[in-house]
Amino acid sequence: VLCVDTTTSPKHTTSPDGPDPQPGSKRPRPPALERTPDGRIIMTREAIDASRERLRAKRPRLRHEICGENIGVLESWYEKYSYLSKEGRRAISEQTGLPVKTVMYWFQNKRRMMKQRTGVDHSTSMARLMKC
């Protein structure tokens, strides 16, 4: 924590441990940084973890919950077309009220799950892509 001393100049700072070192001398490194024997500066594990926590706190993950009716619509479309064009995704989006990206990711995840379960790639329906 640095405290700004406004009585001398806006650039002069003091730390709770005492005043800054004399001009021309090296500033003390923050405790989160360490210097390796070859001179590189690295962050400590605690600093990395704290940084990750700050990033997680800033951006909460937004997820769209898909209700039963919408799942039925998505499943029925998937039975016909496992791959959709932009127009197909847009049509499903308007029908369900879900964002287009959510529809796109649902289809990607469904294809991945089907491939894992059956071991079969459903890319044969790619030929029907132009019809949707």
Protein backbone atom coordinates (compact mmCIF):
# COMPACT_ATOMS: atom_id res chain seq x y z
CA VAL A 1 0.00 0.00 0.00
CA LEU A 2 1.43 3.35 -1.00
CA CYS A 3 0.37 6.65 0.55
CA VAL A 4 0.63 9.85 -1.48
CA ASP A 5 2.29 12.75 0.33
CA THR A 6 0.62 15.86 -1.12
CA THR A 7 2.66 18.33 0.93
CA THR A 8 5.84 18.03 -1.15
CA SER A 9 4.84 17.05 -4.69
CA PRO A 10 2.25 14.80 -6.32
CA LYS A 11 4.95 12.36 -7.47
CA HIS A 12 6.44 11.81 -4.01
CA THR A 13 5.11 8.72 -2.32
CA THR A 14 5.77 7.10 0.98
CA SER A 15 5.06 3.58 2.02
CA PRO A 16 3.82 2.57 5.46
CA ASP A 17 7.32 1.18 6.10
CA GLY A 18 8.93 4.58 5.65
CA PRO A 19 9.92 7.06 2.93
CA ASP A 20 11.03 6.05 -0.55
CA PRO A 21 14.71 5.35 -1.05
CA GLN A 22 16.99 8.19 -2.14
CA PRO A 23 16.79 9.30 -5.78
CA GLY A 24 18.90 7.09 -8.02
CA SER A 25 18.68 4.06 -5.77
CA LYS A 26 16.62 1.02 -6.71
CA ARG A 27 13.03 0.86 -5.52
CA PRO A 28 12.14 -2.15 -3.41
CA ARG A 29 10.24 -4.85 -5.32
CA PRO A 30 6.70 -5.66 -4.27
CA PRO A 31 6.59 -8.85 -2.21
CA ALA A 32 4.66 -10.65 -5.01
CA LEU A 33 7.67 -10.45 -7.34
CA GLU A 34 10.88 -12.42 -7.00
CA ARG A 35 14.14 -12.33 -8.92
CA THR A 36 15.65 -15.56 -10.18
CA PRO A 37 19.42 -16.21 -9.98
CA ASP A 38 19.77 -15.35 -13.68
CA GLY A 39 18.11 -11.95 -13.13
CA ARG A 40 14.58 -12.58 -14.41
CA ILE A 41 11.66 -11.26 -12.39
CA ILE A 42 8.85 -13.74 -11.73
CA MET A 43 5.52 -13.62 -9.92
CA THR A 44 4.93 -15.77 -6.86
CA ARG A 45 2.20 -18.41 -6.81
CA GLU A 46 0.16 -16.25 -4.41
CA ALA A 47 0.24 -13.30 -6.82
CA ILE A 48 -0.83 -15.49 -9.73
CA ASP A 49 -3.71 -16.97 -7.72
CA ALA A 50 -4.81 -13.51 -6.57
CA SER A 51 -4.74 -12.28 -10.17
CA ARG A 52 -6.89 -15.20 -11.33
CA GLU A 53 -9.37 -14.56 -8.53
CA ARG A 54 -9.66 -10.88 -9.54
CA LEU A 55 -10.35 -11.89 -13.14
CA ARG A 56 -13.03 -14.38 -12.08
CA ALA A 57 -14.65 -11.78 -9.86
CA LYS A 58 -14.76 -9.22 -12.66
CA ARG A 59 -16.46 -11.42 -15.24
CA PRO A 60 -19.13 -13.69 -13.89
CA ARG A 61 -19.99 -16.36 -16.39
CA LEU A 62 -23.36 -15.82 -18.00
CA ARG A 63 -25.25 -18.97 -18.89
CA HIS A 64 -28.59 -19.26 -20.58
CA GLU A 65 -30.83 -21.83 -18.99
CA ILE A 66 -32.72 -23.78 -21.62
CA CYS A 67 -36.21 -24.81 -20.52
CA GLY A 68 -37.99 -28.03 -21.50
CA GLU A 69 -39.95 -26.50 -24.38
CA ASN A 70 -36.82 -25.10 -25.98
CA ILE A 71 -34.96 -28.39 -25.53
CA GLY A 72 -37.79 -30.10 -27.40
CA VAL A 73 -37.47 -27.62 -30.26
CA LEU A 74 -33.69 -28.02 -30.38
CA GLU A 75 -33.95 -31.84 -30.26
CA SER A 76 -36.48 -31.91 -33.10
CA TRP A 77 -34.25 -29.71 -35.27
CA TYR A 78 -31.24 -31.86 -34.38
CA GLU A 79 -33.04 -35.04 -35.54
CA LYS A 80 -33.41 -33.43 -38.98
CA TYR A 81 -30.15 -31.48 -39.19
CA SER A 82 -27.16 -31.98 -36.95
CA TYR A 83 -25.42 -29.07 -38.72
CA LEU A 84 -27.20 -25.77 -39.23
CA SER A 85 -26.61 -22.82 -41.52
CA LYS A 86 -26.70 -19.27 -40.18
CA GLU A 87 -30.29 -19.00 -41.37
CA GLY A 88 -31.22 -22.20 -39.54
CA ARG A 89 -29.63 -20.97 -36.30
CA ARG A 90 -31.38 -17.63 -36.69
CA ALA A 91 -34.76 -19.36 -37.25
CA ILE A 92 -34.33 -21.51 -34.11
CA SER A 93 -33.21 -18.45 -32.17
CA GLU A 94 -36.36 -16.56 -33.12
CA GLN A 95 -38.54 -19.59 -32.38
CA THR A 96 -37.06 -20.24 -28.92
CA GLY A 97 -36.01 -16.75 -27.85
CA LEU A 98 -32.44 -17.97 -27.18
CA PRO A 99 -29.40 -16.09 -28.48
CA VAL A 100 -27.99 -17.39 -31.78
CA LYS A 101 -24.68 -18.26 -30.09
CA THR A 102 -26.48 -20.36 -27.49
CA VAL A 103 -28.16 -22.32 -30.27
CA MET A 104 -24.84 -22.75 -32.04
CA TYR A 105 -23.11 -24.00 -28.89
CA TRP A 106 -26.00 -26.33 -28.05
CA PHE A 107 -25.63 -27.99 -31.47
CA GLN A 108 -21.85 -28.24 -31.08
CA ASN A 109 -22.22 -29.85 -27.65
CA LYS A 110 -24.94 -32.20 -28.87
CA ARG A 111 -22.78 -33.39 -31.78
CA ARG A 112 -19.85 -33.93 -29.42
CA MET A 113 -22.01 -35.90 -26.97
CA MET A 114 -23.47 -38.06 -29.74
CA LYS A 115 -20.02 -38.78 -31.11
CA GLN A 116 -18.78 -39.77 -27.63
CA ARG A 117 -21.78 -42.02 -26.98
CA THR A 118 -21.98 -43.78 -30.31
CA GLY A 119 -18.50 -43.31 -31.69
CA VAL A 120 -20.13 -42.21 -34.96
CA ASP A 121 -19.66 -38.82 -36.55
CA HIS A 122 -23.03 -37.46 -37.70
CA SER A 123 -21.49 -35.39 -40.47
CA THR A 124 -23.57 -37.33 -43.01
CA SER A 125 -26.37 -34.87 -42.37
CA MET A 126 -24.01 -32.19 -43.66
CA ALA A 127 -25.45 -32.89 -47.12
CA ARG A 128 -28.84 -31.74 -45.81
CA LEU A 129 -27.32 -28.45 -44.66
CA MET A 130 -28.57 -26.52 -47.66
CA LYS A 131 -32.19 -27.56 -46.97
CA CYS A 132 -32.47 -25.99 -43.50
